Amino acid sequence: MKKFINKILGDDSVPSDEERKVVSWMYFSRSKRFDIEDGSVVIKDINAEKEIRMDKWSELIFLSATGDTMVRQFAKKMETEFPESQRPENLQSALEDAILTLQRSGILALSEKEVELPYYFALPVSEQDKATARQAMIDNGYYELGGEAE
């Protein structure tokens, strides 16, 4: 997971213990459009030089970022769903680090309250009605800020 994040961001910085404590009590949500191609999540960002593809753990985090779950709740759920042999060492810290890094890169957002994902972040681009997505982006100011309606 860390290797993937460093690859996207070129960043070796590790979140502090204080950042981890704060993030564990926050809700996380998607802040980029995405699609599923060949079974993998692809981030659709017109500001990126190329498509962003993720490793499996980062995909799991991204797809779970629906705005209605706290990071700590997500970590507990992952502990029950994956045997220790199939998850990163120190799962809670690894997830907090990954979520903070994805948030810093603009792929995820953090909030103190639950948020409802806008239509254009809730579904893969290929499953969206183009006119509905475009109008929702315009209504939310996303389209004017560089978001793209396909």
N, C-alpha and C. Protein backbone atom coordinates (compact mmCIF):
# COMPACT_ATOMS: atom_id res chain seq x y z
N MET A 1 0.83 -1.18 0.00
CA MET A 1 0.00 0.00 0.00
C MET A 1 0.88 1.25 0.00
N LYS A 2 1.88 1.30 0.86
CA LYS A 2 2.75 2.48 0.94
C LYS A 2 3.50 2.70 -0.36
N LYS A 3 3.94 1.62 -1.00
CA LYS A 3 4.66 1.70 -2.26
C LYS A 3 3.80 2.40 -3.32
N PHE A 4 2.53 2.02 -3.40
CA PHE A 4 1.60 2.64 -4.35
C PHE A 4 1.45 4.13 -4.07
N ILE A 5 1.26 4.48 -2.81
CA ILE A 5 1.03 5.88 -2.45
C ILE A 5 2.27 6.72 -2.74
N ASN A 6 3.44 6.22 -2.42
CA ASN A 6 4.66 6.95 -2.74
C ASN A 6 4.81 7.13 -4.24
N LYS A 7 4.39 6.12 -5.01
CA LYS A 7 4.48 6.19 -6.47
C LYS A 7 3.60 7.31 -7.01
N ILE A 8 2.39 7.44 -6.48
CA ILE A 8 1.48 8.49 -6.98
C ILE A 8 2.00 9.87 -6.60
N LEU A 9 2.40 10.00 -5.36
CA LEU A 9 2.70 11.32 -4.82
C LEU A 9 4.18 11.67 -4.83
N GLY A 10 5.02 10.67 -4.97
CA GLY A 10 6.44 10.93 -4.84
C GLY A 10 6.75 11.43 -3.44
N ASP A 11 6.06 10.89 -2.45
CA ASP A 11 6.11 11.42 -1.10
C ASP A 11 6.45 10.30 -0.12
N ASP A 12 7.52 10.49 0.63
CA ASP A 12 7.90 9.51 1.64
C ASP A 12 7.49 9.94 3.04
N SER A 13 6.77 11.07 3.15
CA SER A 13 6.41 11.56 4.48
C SER A 13 5.41 10.62 5.14
N VAL A 14 5.56 10.45 6.42
CA VAL A 14 4.69 9.57 7.20
C VAL A 14 3.84 10.46 8.10
N PRO A 15 2.53 10.24 8.11
CA PRO A 15 1.68 11.04 9.00
C PRO A 15 2.11 10.89 10.46
N SER A 16 1.94 11.94 11.22
CA SER A 16 2.31 11.92 12.63
C SER A 16 1.26 11.15 13.43
N ASP A 17 1.62 10.78 14.66
CA ASP A 17 0.68 10.11 15.55
C ASP A 17 -0.53 11.00 15.80
N GLU A 18 -0.31 12.30 15.92
CA GLU A 18 -1.41 13.24 16.14
C GLU A 18 -2.37 13.25 14.95
N GLU A 19 -1.83 13.25 13.73
CA GLU A 19 -2.68 13.19 12.53
C GLU A 19 -3.50 11.90 12.52
N ARG A 20 -2.86 10.78 12.88
CA ARG A 20 -3.58 9.51 12.90
C ARG A 20 -4.72 9.52 13.91
N LYS A 21 -4.48 10.11 15.10
CA LYS A 21 -5.53 10.17 16.12
C LYS A 21 -6.73 10.95 15.60
N VAL A 22 -6.47 12.07 14.94
CA VAL A 22 -7.55 12.91 14.43
C VAL A 22 -8.30 12.19 13.31
N VAL A 23 -7.57 11.62 12.36
CA VAL A 23 -8.21 11.01 11.20
C VAL A 23 -9.07 9.81 11.59
N SER A 24 -8.70 9.10 12.63
CA SER A 24 -9.47 7.90 12.99
C SER A 24 -10.91 8.23 13.38
N TRP A 25 -11.18 9.47 13.78
CA TRP A 25 -12.53 9.88 14.18
C TRP A 25 -13.25 10.65 13.08
N MET A 26 -12.70 10.64 11.86
CA MET A 26 -13.30 11.39 10.76
C MET A 26 -13.96 10.44 9.76
N TYR A 27 -14.89 11.00 9.01
CA TYR A 27 -15.54 10.28 7.91
C TYR A 27 -14.70 10.51 6.66
N PHE A 28 -14.65 9.52 5.78
CA PHE A 28 -13.88 9.68 4.55
C PHE A 28 -14.76 9.44 3.34
N SER A 29 -14.52 10.24 2.30
CA SER A 29 -15.35 10.17 1.10
C SER A 29 -14.49 10.41 -0.15
N ARG A 30 -15.01 9.99 -1.29
CA ARG A 30 -14.32 10.18 -2.56
C ARG A 30 -14.37 11.66 -2.96
N SER A 31 -13.31 12.11 -3.60
CA SER A 31 -13.31 13.48 -4.12
C SER A 31 -12.81 13.54 -5.56
N LYS A 32 -12.81 12.39 -6.21
CA LYS A 32 -12.47 12.30 -7.63
C LYS A 32 -13.44 11.35 -8.31
N ARG A 33 -13.67 11.58 -9.58
CA ARG A 33 -14.48 10.67 -10.38
C ARG A 33 -13.63 9.44 -10.69
N PHE A 34 -14.30 8.34 -10.93
CA PHE A 34 -13.59 7.09 -11.19
C PHE A 34 -14.36 6.21 -12.14
N ASP A 35 -13.69 5.20 -12.63
CA ASP A 35 -14.33 4.17 -13.42
C ASP A 35 -13.67 2.84 -13.07
N ILE A 36 -14.28 1.77 -13.53
CA ILE A 36 -13.72 0.44 -13.36
C ILE A 36 -13.34 -0.05 -14.76
N GLU A 37 -12.05 -0.34 -14.93
CA GLU A 37 -11.55 -0.83 -16.22
C GLU A 37 -10.75 -2.10 -15.98
N ASP A 38 -11.12 -3.14 -16.67
CA ASP A 38 -10.45 -4.45 -16.51
C ASP A 38 -10.40 -4.88 -15.05
N GLY A 39 -11.47 -4.60 -14.31
CA GLY A 39 -11.57 -5.01 -12.92
C GLY A 39 -10.81 -4.14 -11.94
N SER A 40 -10.23 -3.03 -12.40
CA SER A 40 -9.47 -2.14 -11.53
C SER A 40 -10.06 -0.74 -11.50
N VAL A 41 -9.90 -0.06 -10.36
CA VAL A 41 -10.34 1.32 -10.23
C VAL A 41 -9.36 2.23 -10.97
N VAL A 42 -9.90 3.15 -11.75
CA VAL A 42 -9.09 4.15 -12.44
C VAL A 42 -9.65 5.52 -12.07
N ILE A 43 -8.81 6.37 -11.51
CA ILE A 43 -9.23 7.72 -11.13
C ILE A 43 -9.27 8.57 -12.38
N LYS A 44 -10.37 9.27 -12.58
CA LYS A 44 -10.57 10.15 -13.74
C LYS A 44 -10.36 11.58 -13.29
N ASP A 45 -9.19 12.10 -13.57
CA ASP A 45 -8.83 13.45 -13.14
C ASP A 45 -8.23 14.18 -14.32
N ILE A 46 -8.92 15.21 -14.82
CA ILE A 46 -8.40 15.92 -15.98
C ILE A 46 -7.14 16.71 -15.67
N ASN A 47 -6.87 16.93 -14.38
CA ASN A 47 -5.67 17.67 -14.00
C ASN A 47 -4.44 16.77 -13.89
N ALA A 48 -4.64 15.47 -13.90
CA ALA A 48 -3.52 14.52 -13.79
C ALA A 48 -2.95 14.29 -15.19
N GLU A 49 -1.66 14.09 -15.25
CA GLU A 49 -1.00 13.84 -16.54
C GLU A 49 -1.38 12.48 -17.11
N LYS A 50 -1.73 11.55 -16.23
CA LYS A 50 -2.12 10.22 -16.68
C LYS A 50 -3.16 9.67 -15.72
N GLU A 51 -3.79 8.58 -16.13
CA GLU A 51 -4.77 7.95 -15.25
C GLU A 51 -4.08 7.42 -14.01
N ILE A 52 -4.79 7.44 -12.91
CA ILE A 52 -4.24 6.91 -11.66
C ILE A 52 -4.89 5.56 -11.41
N ARG A 53 -4.05 4.54 -11.31
CA ARG A 53 -4.50 3.18 -10.99
C ARG A 53 -3.98 2.83 -9.60
N MET A 54 -4.73 2.04 -8.90
CA MET A 54 -4.41 1.75 -7.50
C MET A 54 -4.12 0.28 -7.27
N ASP A 55 -3.42 0.01 -6.16
CA ASP A 55 -3.26 -1.37 -5.72
C ASP A 55 -4.58 -1.79 -5.05
N LYS A 56 -4.69 -3.07 -4.74
CA LYS A 56 -5.98 -3.60 -4.24
C LYS A 56 -6.42 -2.97 -2.92
N TRP A 57 -5.50 -2.73 -1.97
CA TRP A 57 -5.89 -2.13 -0.69
C TRP A 57 -6.36 -0.69 -0.90
N SER A 58 -5.67 0.05 -1.75
CA SER A 58 -6.07 1.43 -2.01
C SER A 58 -7.42 1.48 -2.73
N GLU A 59 -7.65 0.52 -3.63
CA GLU A 59 -8.96 0.43 -4.29
C GLU A 59 -10.05 0.17 -3.26
N LEU A 60 -9.78 -0.74 -2.34
CA LEU A 60 -10.75 -1.06 -1.30
C LEU A 60 -11.08 0.19 -0.47
N ILE A 61 -10.06 0.93 -0.10
CA ILE A 61 -10.26 2.17 0.66
C ILE A 61 -11.11 3.14 -0.17
N PHE A 62 -10.72 3.35 -1.43
CA PHE A 62 -11.43 4.30 -2.28
C PHE A 62 -12.89 3.91 -2.46
N LEU A 63 -13.16 2.67 -2.79
CA LEU A 63 -14.53 2.23 -3.01
C LEU A 63 -15.36 2.26 -1.73
N SER A 64 -14.71 2.17 -0.58
CA SER A 64 -15.40 2.23 0.71
C SER A 64 -15.61 3.66 1.19
N ALA A 65 -15.03 4.62 0.49
CA ALA A 65 -15.08 6.03 0.90
C ALA A 65 -16.40 6.65 0.48
N THR A 66 -17.46 6.27 1.17
CA THR A 66 -18.82 6.71 0.81
C THR A 66 -19.34 7.84 1.69
N GLY A 67 -18.51 8.31 2.61
CA GLY A 67 -18.88 9.46 3.43
C GLY A 67 -19.72 9.14 4.65
N ASP A 68 -20.06 7.87 4.85
CA ASP A 68 -20.93 7.51 5.97
C ASP A 68 -20.26 6.60 7.00
N THR A 69 -18.95 6.44 6.89
CA THR A 69 -18.20 5.58 7.80
C THR A 69 -16.97 6.31 8.31
N MET A 70 -16.73 6.22 9.61
CA MET A 70 -15.51 6.79 10.17
C MET A 70 -14.34 5.87 9.85
N VAL A 71 -13.16 6.44 9.79
CA VAL A 71 -11.95 5.66 9.50
C VAL A 71 -11.79 4.54 10.52
N ARG A 72 -12.01 4.81 11.79
CA ARG A 72 -11.85 3.77 12.82
C ARG A 72 -12.87 2.64 12.64
N GLN A 73 -14.08 2.96 12.21
CA GLN A 73 -15.10 1.93 11.95
C GLN A 73 -14.66 1.05 10.77
N PHE A 74 -14.13 1.70 9.75
CA PHE A 74 -13.64 0.98 8.58
C PHE A 74 -12.51 0.02 8.96
N ALA A 75 -11.58 0.49 9.79
CA ALA A 75 -10.46 -0.36 10.23
C ALA A 75 -10.97 -1.58 10.99
N LYS A 76 -11.94 -1.38 11.88
CA LYS A 76 -12.51 -2.51 12.63
C LYS A 76 -13.17 -3.51 11.68
N LYS A 77 -13.89 -2.99 10.69
CA LYS A 77 -14.55 -3.86 9.72
C LYS A 77 -13.51 -4.68 8.94
N MET A 78 -12.41 -4.05 8.55
CA MET A 78 -11.36 -4.76 7.80
C MET A 78 -10.70 -5.83 8.66
N GLU A 79 -10.58 -5.57 9.96
CA GLU A 79 -10.01 -6.58 10.87
C GLU A 79 -10.86 -7.84 10.89
N THR A 80 -12.18 -7.68 10.80
CA THR A 80 -13.07 -8.84 10.84
C THR A 80 -13.19 -9.52 9.48
N GLU A 81 -13.00 -8.77 8.40
CA GLU A 81 -13.19 -9.33 7.06
C GLU A 81 -11.95 -10.01 6.48
N PHE A 82 -10.76 -9.61 6.96
CA PHE A 82 -9.53 -10.17 6.42
C PHE A 82 -8.72 -10.84 7.51
N PRO A 83 -8.28 -12.07 7.27
CA PRO A 83 -7.41 -12.71 8.24
C PRO A 83 -6.09 -11.93 8.36
N GLU A 84 -5.46 -12.04 9.47
CA GLU A 84 -4.23 -11.30 9.74
C GLU A 84 -3.18 -11.52 8.64
N SER A 85 -3.14 -12.71 8.08
CA SER A 85 -2.15 -13.01 7.03
C SER A 85 -2.42 -12.28 5.72
N GLN A 86 -3.64 -11.75 5.55
CA GLN A 86 -4.00 -11.07 4.30
C GLN A 86 -4.10 -9.56 4.43
N ARG A 87 -3.65 -9.02 5.52
CA ARG A 87 -3.76 -7.57 5.71
C ARG A 87 -2.42 -6.99 6.13
N PRO A 88 -2.25 -5.68 5.94
CA PRO A 88 -0.98 -5.05 6.33
C PRO A 88 -0.74 -5.17 7.83
N GLU A 89 0.53 -5.19 8.21
CA GLU A 89 0.89 -5.18 9.61
C GLU A 89 0.39 -3.87 10.22
N ASN A 90 -0.11 -3.93 11.45
CA ASN A 90 -0.67 -2.75 12.13
C ASN A 90 -1.72 -2.08 11.23
N LEU A 91 -2.77 -2.82 10.96
CA LEU A 91 -3.81 -2.42 10.01
C LEU A 91 -4.35 -1.01 10.24
N GLN A 92 -4.73 -0.68 11.46
CA GLN A 92 -5.32 0.63 11.74
C GLN A 92 -4.38 1.76 11.29
N SER A 93 -3.12 1.69 11.68
CA SER A 93 -2.15 2.74 11.29
C SER A 93 -1.93 2.76 9.79
N ALA A 94 -1.86 1.59 9.18
CA ALA A 94 -1.65 1.51 7.73
C ALA A 94 -2.82 2.16 6.99
N LEU A 95 -4.06 1.89 7.44
CA LEU A 95 -5.22 2.49 6.80
C LEU A 95 -5.25 4.00 7.03
N GLU A 96 -4.96 4.42 8.25
CA GLU A 96 -4.94 5.86 8.54
C GLU A 96 -3.90 6.57 7.68
N ASP A 97 -2.71 5.99 7.56
CA ASP A 97 -1.67 6.58 6.72
C ASP A 97 -2.13 6.67 5.26
N ALA A 98 -2.70 5.59 4.76
CA ALA A 98 -3.14 5.58 3.37
C ALA A 98 -4.25 6.60 3.13
N ILE A 99 -5.21 6.67 4.04
CA ILE A 99 -6.32 7.63 3.89
C ILE A 99 -5.80 9.05 3.96
N LEU A 100 -4.90 9.35 4.88
CA LEU A 100 -4.33 10.70 4.96
C LEU A 100 -3.56 11.05 3.68
N THR A 101 -2.83 10.11 3.15
CA THR A 101 -2.06 10.37 1.93
C THR A 101 -2.99 10.57 0.74
N LEU A 102 -4.04 9.74 0.64
CA LEU A 102 -5.01 9.91 -0.45
C LEU A 102 -5.77 11.23 -0.30
N GLN A 103 -5.99 11.65 0.93
CA GLN A 103 -6.64 12.94 1.17
C GLN A 103 -5.72 14.08 0.74
N ARG A 104 -4.46 13.99 1.09
CA ARG A 104 -3.48 15.02 0.70
C ARG A 104 -3.38 15.14 -0.82
N SER A 105 -3.57 14.03 -1.52
CA SER A 105 -3.46 14.04 -2.98
C SER A 105 -4.76 14.48 -3.65
N GLY A 106 -5.81 14.68 -2.87
CA GLY A 106 -7.09 15.12 -3.43
C GLY A 106 -7.99 14.01 -3.90
N ILE A 107 -7.61 12.76 -3.66
CA ILE A 107 -8.43 11.61 -4.08
C ILE A 107 -9.55 11.34 -3.09
N LEU A 108 -9.30 11.60 -1.81
CA LEU A 108 -10.30 11.45 -0.76
C LEU A 108 -10.46 12.77 -0.02
N ALA A 109 -11.61 12.91 0.64
CA ALA A 109 -11.86 14.05 1.52
C ALA A 109 -12.18 13.51 2.91
N LEU A 110 -11.88 14.30 3.92
CA LEU A 110 -12.18 13.95 5.31
C LEU A 110 -13.16 14.97 5.86
N SER A 111 -14.06 14.51 6.73
CA SER A 111 -15.06 15.39 7.31
C SER A 111 -15.38 14.95 8.73
N GLU A 112 -15.74 15.92 9.56
CA GLU A 112 -16.14 15.60 10.93
C GLU A 112 -17.55 15.04 10.99
N LYS A 113 -18.33 15.23 9.92
CA LYS A 113 -19.71 14.74 9.85
C LYS A 113 -19.88 13.86 8.63
N GLU A 114 -20.91 13.04 8.67
CA GLU A 114 -21.24 12.24 7.50
C GLU A 114 -21.53 13.15 6.32
N VAL A 115 -21.17 12.70 5.14
CA VAL A 115 -21.47 13.46 3.92
C VAL A 115 -22.13 12.53 2.91
N GLU A 116 -22.96 13.10 2.09
CA GLU A 116 -23.58 12.34 1.01
C GLU A 116 -22.76 12.58 -0.25
N LEU A 117 -22.32 11.50 -0.88
CA LEU A 117 -21.54 11.65 -2.10
C LEU A 117 -22.40 12.25 -3.20
N PRO A 118 -21.86 13.21 -3.94
CA PRO A 118 -22.60 13.69 -5.09
C PRO A 118 -22.67 12.59 -6.15
N TYR A 119 -23.66 12.68 -6.99
CA TYR A 119 -23.90 11.67 -8.03
C TYR A 119 -22.63 11.32 -8.80
N TYR A 120 -21.84 12.31 -9.18
CA TYR A 120 -20.68 12.10 -10.04
C TYR A 120 -19.51 11.44 -9.31
N PHE A 121 -19.55 11.33 -7.97
CA PHE A 121 -18.54 10.58 -7.22
C PHE A 121 -19.10 9.24 -6.74
N ALA A 122 -20.41 9.08 -6.73
CA ALA A 122 -21.04 7.90 -6.16
C ALA A 122 -20.95 6.66 -7.07
N LEU A 123 -20.95 6.89 -8.36
CA LEU A 123 -20.96 5.79 -9.33
C LEU A 123 -19.77 5.87 -10.27
N PRO A 124 -19.35 4.72 -10.82
CA PRO A 124 -18.33 4.79 -11.87
C PRO A 124 -18.84 5.63 -13.04
N VAL A 125 -17.96 6.33 -13.71
CA VAL A 125 -18.33 7.20 -14.82
C VAL A 125 -19.15 6.44 -15.87
N SER A 126 -18.77 5.21 -16.17
CA SER A 126 -19.45 4.42 -17.20
C SER A 126 -20.89 4.07 -16.83
N GLU A 127 -21.25 4.18 -15.54
CA GLU A 127 -22.62 3.88 -15.11
C GLU A 127 -23.46 5.14 -14.92
N GLN A 128 -22.87 6.30 -15.12
CA GLN A 128 -23.58 7.56 -14.90
C GLN A 128 -24.31 8.02 -16.16
N ASP A 129 -25.43 8.68 -15.94
CA ASP A 129 -26.09 9.39 -17.02
C ASP A 129 -25.30 10.69 -17.21
N LYS A 130 -24.78 10.91 -18.42
CA LYS A 130 -23.91 12.06 -18.66
C LYS A 130 -24.57 13.39 -18.35
N ALA A 131 -25.80 13.56 -18.76
CA ALA A 131 -26.49 14.83 -18.52
C ALA A 131 -26.72 15.07 -17.03
N THR A 132 -27.09 14.03 -16.31
CA THR A 132 -27.31 14.15 -14.86
C THR A 132 -26.00 14.48 -14.14
N ALA A 133 -24.93 13.78 -14.53
CA ALA A 133 -23.62 14.03 -13.91
C ALA A 133 -23.16 15.46 -14.20
N ARG A 134 -23.28 15.88 -15.44
CA ARG A 134 -22.85 17.24 -15.82
C ARG A 134 -23.62 18.28 -15.04
N GLN A 135 -24.94 18.12 -14.96
CA GLN A 135 -25.75 19.10 -14.24
C GLN A 135 -25.42 19.12 -12.75
N ALA A 136 -25.21 17.96 -12.16
CA ALA A 136 -24.84 17.91 -10.74
C ALA A 136 -23.50 18.60 -10.51
N MET A 137 -22.55 18.41 -11.43
CA MET A 137 -21.25 19.07 -11.30
C MET A 137 -21.39 20.59 -11.42
N ILE A 138 -22.20 21.03 -12.33
CA ILE A 138 -22.43 22.48 -12.49
C ILE A 138 -23.10 23.03 -11.25
N ASP A 139 -24.13 22.33 -10.77
CA ASP A 139 -24.86 22.79 -9.57
C ASP A 139 -23.95 22.89 -8.35
N ASN A 140 -22.97 21.98 -8.24
CA ASN A 140 -22.06 21.97 -7.09
C ASN A 140 -20.79 22.79 -7.30
N GLY A 141 -20.64 23.38 -8.49
CA GLY A 141 -19.45 24.17 -8.77
C GLY A 141 -18.23 23.33 -9.13
N TYR A 142 -18.38 22.03 -9.21
CA TYR A 142 -17.26 21.14 -9.52
C TYR A 142 -16.83 21.30 -10.97
N TYR A 143 -17.79 21.41 -11.86
CA TYR A 143 -17.52 21.53 -13.30
C TYR A 143 -16.70 22.78 -13.58
N GLU A 144 -17.05 23.88 -12.95
CA GLU A 144 -16.34 25.15 -13.16
C GLU A 144 -14.94 25.12 -12.57
N LEU A 145 -14.71 24.24 -11.56
CA LEU A 145 -13.41 24.18 -10.90
C LEU A 145 -12.47 23.18 -11.57
N GLY A 146 -12.82 22.73 -12.74
CA GLY A 146 -11.92 21.83 -13.45
C GLY A 146 -12.43 20.41 -13.52
N GLY A 147 -13.57 20.12 -12.92
CA GLY A 147 -14.16 18.79 -13.05
C GLY A 147 -14.60 18.61 -14.48
N GLU A 148 -14.82 17.38 -14.85
CA GLU A 148 -15.11 17.11 -16.25
C GLU A 148 -16.33 16.22 -16.37
N ALA A 149 -17.25 16.60 -17.21
CA ALA A 149 -18.40 15.74 -17.50
C ALA A 149 -18.12 15.04 -18.81
N GLU A 150 -18.10 13.73 -18.77
CA GLU A 150 -17.81 12.98 -20.00
C GLU A 150 -19.10 12.71 -20.72
